[in-house]
Amino acid sequence: MKVQIDETLMLRQLKVREYQTMFDLVDKNREQLREWLPWVDYVTEAESYKKTIQAWIESNDANQSMTLGVYLEGHLVGMCGFNTIDLLNKRGAIGYWLAEGYNGQGIMTRAVRGLVDYGFKQLELHRVEISAGVENVKSRKIPERLGFEEEALLKEYEFLYDHFHDLVQYRMMKRDWLTKN
């Protein structure tokens, strides 16, 4: 499973044998990722990624999600995908993160644009959602840049280590995406 974004950027399913690469990327970016991702402290050993990647593959194969690595010039630099896919209701929810050294280069905006396009054209989704922490300005800029509409403020929606925090939910409808792109 892969989505070729352009000549240098690709989203693709990780292979179990990449477990050490995945762990090393998370480990090197632990401090940055921990600010907004509630799972970071629970991944403390590379071996745990063998089961995690296998679970992602199975969920991807079942069309329940589309968890993909972000590969820039063949190197894993983050993750971007549909955390959930609801084919019955034709909607998907996107999540993403990027290693710190790659922020501010438009990589994730390009990746999300390609994934949204794939979702509407290949998966035949009707609606795509992105949620981000209210104070996570970098993450919020991506749906805003891509023309998503702010739909809801989700109060105390996610537990982040020792506190709840609010999320903003954005949406894009297929008809609006196809008109704009």
C-alpha atoms as a PDB file:
ATOM      1  CA  MET A   1       0.000   0.000   0.000  1.00  0.00           C
ATOM      2  CA  LYS A   2       1.521   3.297  -1.079  1.00  0.00           C
ATOM      3  CA  VAL A   3       0.640   6.770  -2.289  1.00  0.00           C
ATOM      4  CA  GLN A   4       3.254   8.477  -4.462  1.00  0.00           C
ATOM      5  CA  ILE A   5       2.981  12.204  -3.722  1.00  0.00           C
ATOM      6  CA  ASP A   6       5.686  13.476  -6.078  1.00  0.00           C
ATOM      7  CA  GLU A   7       9.191  12.532  -7.237  1.00  0.00           C
ATOM      8  CA  THR A   8      10.692  12.849  -3.720  1.00  0.00           C
ATOM      9  CA  LEU A   9       7.784  12.141  -1.376  1.00  0.00           C
ATOM     10  CA  MET A  10       5.870   8.910  -0.854  1.00  0.00           C
ATOM     11  CA  LEU A  11       3.507   7.500   1.751  1.00  0.00           C
ATOM     12  CA  ARG A  12       3.784   3.748   2.165  1.00  0.00           C
ATOM     13  CA  GLN A  13       2.999   0.974   4.560  1.00  0.00           C
ATOM     14  CA  LEU A  14       5.902   0.151   6.837  1.00  0.00           C
ATOM     15  CA  LYS A  15       7.393  -3.317   6.752  1.00  0.00           C
ATOM     16  CA  VAL A  16       7.883  -5.222  10.016  1.00  0.00           C
ATOM     17  CA  ARG A  17      11.626  -5.311   9.336  1.00  0.00           C
ATOM     18  CA  GLU A  18      11.643  -1.491   9.671  1.00  0.00           C
ATOM     19  CA  TYR A  19      10.837  -1.713  13.377  1.00  0.00           C
ATOM     20  CA  GLN A  20      14.257  -0.413  14.476  1.00  0.00           C
ATOM     21  CA  THR A  21      14.116   2.526  12.032  1.00  0.00           C
ATOM     22  CA  MET A  22      10.664   3.431  13.332  1.00  0.00           C
ATOM     23  CA  PHE A  23      11.747   3.219  16.955  1.00  0.00           C
ATOM     24  CA  ASP A  24      14.892   5.282  16.316  1.00  0.00           C
ATOM     25  CA  LEU A  25      12.855   8.020  14.612  1.00  0.00           C
ATOM     26  CA  VAL A  26      10.381   8.203  17.492  1.00  0.00           C
ATOM     27  CA  ASP A  27      13.151   8.013  20.083  1.00  0.00           C
ATOM     28  CA  LYS A  28      15.143  10.870  18.495  1.00  0.00           C
ATOM     29  CA  ASN A  29      11.983  12.999  18.370  1.00  0.00           C
ATOM     30  CA  ARG A  30      10.468  11.891  21.679  1.00  0.00           C
ATOM     31  CA  GLU A  31      10.470  15.334  23.305  1.00  0.00           C
ATOM     32  CA  GLN A  32       8.794  17.061  20.350  1.00  0.00           C
ATOM     33  CA  LEU A  33       6.262  14.271  19.769  1.00  0.00           C
ATOM     34  CA  ARG A  34       5.366  13.951  23.440  1.00  0.00           C
ATOM     35  CA  GLU A  35       3.926  17.463  23.477  1.00  0.00           C
ATOM     36  CA  TRP A  36       0.898  16.394  21.391  1.00  0.00           C
ATOM     37  CA  LEU A  37       0.894  12.593  21.038  1.00  0.00           C
ATOM     38  CA  PRO A  38      -0.361  10.579  24.016  1.00  0.00           C
ATOM     39  CA  TRP A  39       1.347   7.286  23.088  1.00  0.00           C
ATOM     40  CA  VAL A  40       5.017   8.356  23.009  1.00  0.00           C
ATOM     41  CA  ASP A  41       5.921   7.415  26.595  1.00  0.00           C
ATOM     42  CA  TYR A  42       4.491   3.936  26.136  1.00  0.00           C
ATOM     43  CA  VAL A  43       6.910   2.997  23.356  1.00  0.00           C
ATOM     44  CA  THR A  44      10.203   2.325  25.131  1.00  0.00           C
ATOM     45  CA  GLU A  45      11.666  -0.644  23.225  1.00  0.00           C
ATOM     46  CA  ALA A  46      12.302  -1.177  19.535  1.00  0.00           C
ATOM     47  CA  GLU A  47      10.948  -4.734  19.661  1.00  0.00           C
ATOM     48  CA  SER A  48       7.463  -3.432  20.491  1.00  0.00           C
ATOM     49  CA  TYR A  49       7.244  -1.953  17.000  1.00  0.00           C
ATOM     50  CA  LYS A  50       7.264  -5.424  15.442  1.00  0.00           C
ATOM     51  CA  LYS A  51       3.766  -6.089  16.814  1.00  0.00           C
ATOM     52  CA  THR A  52       2.652  -2.506  16.216  1.00  0.00           C
ATOM     53  CA  ILE A  53       3.659  -2.510  12.560  1.00  0.00           C
ATOM     54  CA  GLN A  54       2.029  -5.922  12.054  1.00  0.00           C
ATOM     55  CA  ALA A  55      -1.187  -4.577  13.598  1.00  0.00           C
ATOM     56  CA  TRP A  56      -1.036  -1.558  11.265  1.00  0.00           C
ATOM     57  CA  ILE A  57      -0.638  -3.875   8.268  1.00  0.00           C
ATOM     58  CA  GLU A  58      -3.641  -5.967   9.336  1.00  0.00           C
ATOM     59  CA  SER A  59      -5.789  -2.894   9.957  1.00  0.00           C
ATOM     60  CA  ASN A  60      -4.733  -1.441   6.600  1.00  0.00           C
ATOM     61  CA  ASP A  61      -5.575  -4.714   4.845  1.00  0.00           C
ATOM     62  CA  ALA A  62      -9.018  -4.702   6.512  1.00  0.00           C
ATOM     63  CA  ASN A  63      -9.644  -1.134   5.234  1.00  0.00           C
ATOM     64  CA  GLN A  64     -10.113   0.057   8.824  1.00  0.00           C
ATOM     65  CA  SER A  65      -7.188   2.463   8.638  1.00  0.00           C
ATOM     66  CA  MET A  66      -4.332   3.481   6.394  1.00  0.00           C
ATOM     67  CA  THR A  67      -1.290   3.930   8.615  1.00  0.00           C
ATOM     68  CA  LEU A  68       1.604   4.959   6.396  1.00  0.00           C
ATOM     69  CA  GLY A  69       5.169   6.119   6.759  1.00  0.00           C
ATOM     70  CA  VAL A  70       6.246   9.403   5.193  1.00  0.00           C
ATOM     71  CA  TYR A  71       9.315   8.748   3.050  1.00  0.00           C
ATOM     72  CA  LEU A  72      11.336  11.670   1.746  1.00  0.00           C
ATOM     73  CA  GLU A  73      13.901  10.564  -0.832  1.00  0.00           C
ATOM     74  CA  GLY A  74      13.526   7.023   0.508  1.00  0.00           C
ATOM     75  CA  HIS A  75      14.056   7.926   4.197  1.00  0.00           C
ATOM     76  CA  LEU A  76      11.358   7.568   6.856  1.00  0.00           C
ATOM     77  CA  VAL A  77      10.692  11.048   8.292  1.00  0.00           C
ATOM     78  CA  GLY A  78       7.254  10.688   9.906  1.00  0.00           C
ATOM     79  CA  MET A  79       3.811   9.156   9.690  1.00  0.00           C
ATOM     80  CA  CYS A  80       0.653  10.232   7.878  1.00  0.00           C
ATOM     81  CA  GLY A  81      -2.507   8.308   7.258  1.00  0.00           C
ATOM     82  CA  PHE A  82      -6.125   7.643   7.961  1.00  0.00           C
ATOM     83  CA  ASN A  83      -6.260   6.717  11.655  1.00  0.00           C
ATOM     84  CA  THR A  84      -9.771   5.486  10.977  1.00  0.00           C
ATOM     85  CA  ILE A  85     -11.690   4.688   7.830  1.00  0.00           C
ATOM     86  CA  ASP A  86     -15.449   4.183   7.961  1.00  0.00           C
ATOM     87  CA  LEU A  87     -16.363   2.876   4.521  1.00  0.00           C
ATOM     88  CA  LEU A  88     -20.036   2.452   5.447  1.00  0.00           C
ATOM     89  CA  ASN A  89     -20.349   6.177   6.125  1.00  0.00           C
ATOM     90  CA  LYS A  90     -17.615   7.097   3.625  1.00  0.00           C
ATOM     91  CA  ARG A  91     -15.444   9.092   6.008  1.00  0.00           C
ATOM     92  CA  GLY A  92     -11.879   9.023   7.235  1.00  0.00           C
ATOM     93  CA  ALA A  93      -9.899  10.768   9.970  1.00  0.00           C
ATOM     94  CA  ILE A  94      -6.321  11.787   9.230  1.00  0.00           C
ATOM     95  CA  GLY A  95      -3.446  11.900  11.690  1.00  0.00           C
ATOM     96  CA  TYR A  96       0.185  12.822  11.124  1.00  0.00           C
ATOM     97  CA  TRP A  97       3.533  13.669  12.681  1.00  0.00           C
ATOM     98  CA  LEU A  98       6.910  14.634  11.313  1.00  0.00           C
ATOM     99  CA  ALA A  99      10.458  14.416  12.663  1.00  0.00           C
ATOM    100  CA  GLU A 100      11.624  17.765  13.971  1.00  0.00           C
ATOM    101  CA  GLY A 101      14.367  18.343  11.417  1.00  0.00           C
ATOM    102  CA  TYR A 102      11.818  18.282   8.593  1.00  0.00           C
ATOM    103  CA  ASN A 103       9.315  20.818   9.956  1.00  0.00           C
ATOM    104  CA  GLY A 104       8.655  24.007   8.039  1.00  0.00           C
ATOM    105  CA  GLN A 105       9.453  22.588   4.589  1.00  0.00           C
ATOM    106  CA  GLY A 106       5.904  21.888   3.424  1.00  0.00           C
ATOM    107  CA  ILE A 107       6.462  18.116   3.550  1.00  0.00           C
ATOM    108  CA  MET A 108       3.431  17.299   5.659  1.00  0.00           C
ATOM    109  CA  THR A 109       1.174  19.678   3.759  1.00  0.00           C
ATOM    110  CA  ARG A 110       2.140  17.868   0.533  1.00  0.00           C
ATOM    111  CA  ALA A 111       1.638  14.477   2.201  1.00  0.00           C
ATOM    112  CA  VAL A 112      -1.799  15.354   3.596  1.00  0.00           C
ATOM    113  CA  ARG A 113      -2.867  16.896   0.269  1.00  0.00           C
ATOM    114  CA  GLY A 114      -1.945  13.649  -1.505  1.00  0.00           C
ATOM    115  CA  LEU A 115      -3.659  11.515   1.126  1.00  0.00           C
ATOM    116  CA  VAL A 116      -6.875  13.562   0.975  1.00  0.00           C
ATOM    117  CA  ASP A 117      -6.869  13.292  -2.810  1.00  0.00           C
ATOM    118  CA  TYR A 118      -6.357   9.522  -2.524  1.00  0.00           C
ATOM    119  CA  GLY A 119      -9.172   9.278   0.022  1.00  0.00           C
ATOM    120  CA  PHE A 120     -11.675  11.025  -2.191  1.00  0.00           C
ATOM    121  CA  LYS A 121     -10.641   9.527  -5.523  1.00  0.00           C
ATOM    122  CA  GLN A 122      -9.504   5.994  -4.638  1.00  0.00           C
ATOM    123  CA  LEU A 123     -11.352   5.195  -1.413  1.00  0.00           C
ATOM    124  CA  GLU A 124     -14.421   7.140  -2.571  1.00  0.00           C
ATOM    125  CA  LEU A 125     -14.790   8.891   0.775  1.00  0.00           C
ATOM    126  CA  HIS A 126     -17.379  11.627   1.155  1.00  0.00           C
ATOM    127  CA  ARG A 127     -15.814  13.369   4.179  1.00  0.00           C
ATOM    128  CA  VAL A 128     -12.308  13.703   5.622  1.00  0.00           C
ATOM    129  CA  GLU A 129     -11.633  14.967   9.138  1.00  0.00           C
ATOM    130  CA  ILE A 130      -8.504  16.237  10.859  1.00  0.00           C
ATOM    131  CA  SER A 131      -8.332  16.994  14.578  1.00  0.00           C
ATOM    132  CA  ALA A 132      -5.518  18.904  16.262  1.00  0.00           C
ATOM    133  CA  GLY A 133      -4.830  20.349  19.688  1.00  0.00           C
ATOM    134  CA  VAL A 134      -6.189  23.867  20.001  1.00  0.00           C
ATOM    135  CA  GLU A 135      -2.712  25.126  20.894  1.00  0.00           C
ATOM    136  CA  ASN A 136      -0.894  22.966  18.326  1.00  0.00           C
ATOM    137  CA  VAL A 137      -0.464  25.774  15.827  1.00  0.00           C
ATOM    138  CA  LYS A 138       1.863  23.861  13.467  1.00  0.00           C
ATOM    139  CA  SER A 139      -0.572  20.980  13.124  1.00  0.00           C
ATOM    140  CA  ARG A 140      -3.581  23.263  12.696  1.00  0.00           C
ATOM    141  CA  LYS A 141      -1.915  25.144   9.837  1.00  0.00           C
ATOM    142  CA  ILE A 142      -2.038  22.067   7.611  1.00  0.00           C
ATOM    143  CA  PRO A 143      -5.839  21.677   7.309  1.00  0.00           C
ATOM    144  CA  GLU A 144      -6.215  25.449   7.223  1.00  0.00           C
ATOM    145  CA  ARG A 145      -3.688  25.719   4.385  1.00  0.00           C
ATOM    146  CA  LEU A 146      -5.540  22.992   2.482  1.00  0.00           C
ATOM    147  CA  GLY A 147      -8.910  24.736   2.787  1.00  0.00           C
ATOM    148  CA  PHE A 148     -10.501  22.517   5.440  1.00  0.00           C
ATOM    149  CA  GLU A 149     -13.294  24.141   7.421  1.00  0.00           C
ATOM    150  CA  GLU A 150     -13.120  24.400  11.192  1.00  0.00           C
ATOM    151  CA  GLU A 151     -16.144  22.467  12.337  1.00  0.00           C
ATOM    152  CA  ALA A 152     -16.033  21.953  16.099  1.00  0.00           C
ATOM    153  CA  LEU A 153     -14.212  22.596  19.324  1.00  0.00           C
ATOM    154  CA  LEU A 154     -13.958  19.310  21.209  1.00  0.00           C
ATOM    155  CA  LYS A 155     -13.612  20.262  24.884  1.00  0.00           C
ATOM    156  CA  GLU A 156     -11.294  18.137  27.018  1.00  0.00           C
ATOM    157  CA  TYR A 157     -11.392  15.507  24.272  1.00  0.00           C
ATOM    158  CA  GLU A 158      -7.983  13.889  24.619  1.00  0.00           C
ATOM    159  CA  PHE A 159      -5.988  12.852  27.680  1.00  0.00           C
ATOM    160  CA  LEU A 160      -2.345  13.828  27.341  1.00  0.00           C
ATOM    161  CA  TYR A 161      -0.286  12.201  30.123  1.00  0.00           C
ATOM    162  CA  ASP A 162      -1.575  14.240  33.054  1.00  0.00           C
ATOM    163  CA  HIS A 163      -4.343  16.460  31.695  1.00  0.00           C
ATOM    164  CA  PHE A 164      -7.151  16.701  29.189  1.00  0.00           C
ATOM    165  CA  HIS A 165      -6.835  19.128  26.325  1.00  0.00           C
ATOM    166  CA  ASP A 166      -9.167  20.564  23.717  1.00  0.00           C
ATOM    167  CA  LEU A 167      -9.090  19.655  20.031  1.00  0.00           C
ATOM    168  CA  VAL A 168     -10.268  21.532  16.979  1.00  0.00           C
ATOM    169  CA  GLN A 169     -11.949  19.361  14.356  1.00  0.00           C
ATOM    170  CA  TYR A 170     -11.671  20.290  10.695  1.00  0.00           C
ATOM    171  CA  ARG A 171     -13.585  18.807   7.789  1.00  0.00           C
ATOM    172  CA  MET A 172     -13.379  18.603   4.041  1.00  0.00           C
ATOM    173  CA  MET A 173     -16.234  17.347   1.901  1.00  0.00           C
ATOM    174  CA  LYS A 174     -15.518  15.587  -1.385  1.00  0.00           C
ATOM    175  CA  ARG A 175     -17.492  18.092  -3.477  1.00  0.00           C
ATOM    176  CA  ASP A 176     -15.527  20.994  -1.985  1.00  0.00           C
ATOM    177  CA  TRP A 177     -12.165  19.260  -2.473  1.00  0.00           C
ATOM    178  CA  LEU A 178     -12.854  18.372  -6.092  1.00  0.00           C
ATOM    179  CA  THR A 179     -13.989  21.936  -6.810  1.00  0.00           C
ATOM    180  CA  LYS A 180     -10.834  23.449  -5.259  1.00  0.00           C
ATOM    181  CA  ASN A 181      -8.283  20.925  -6.538  1.00  0.00           C
END
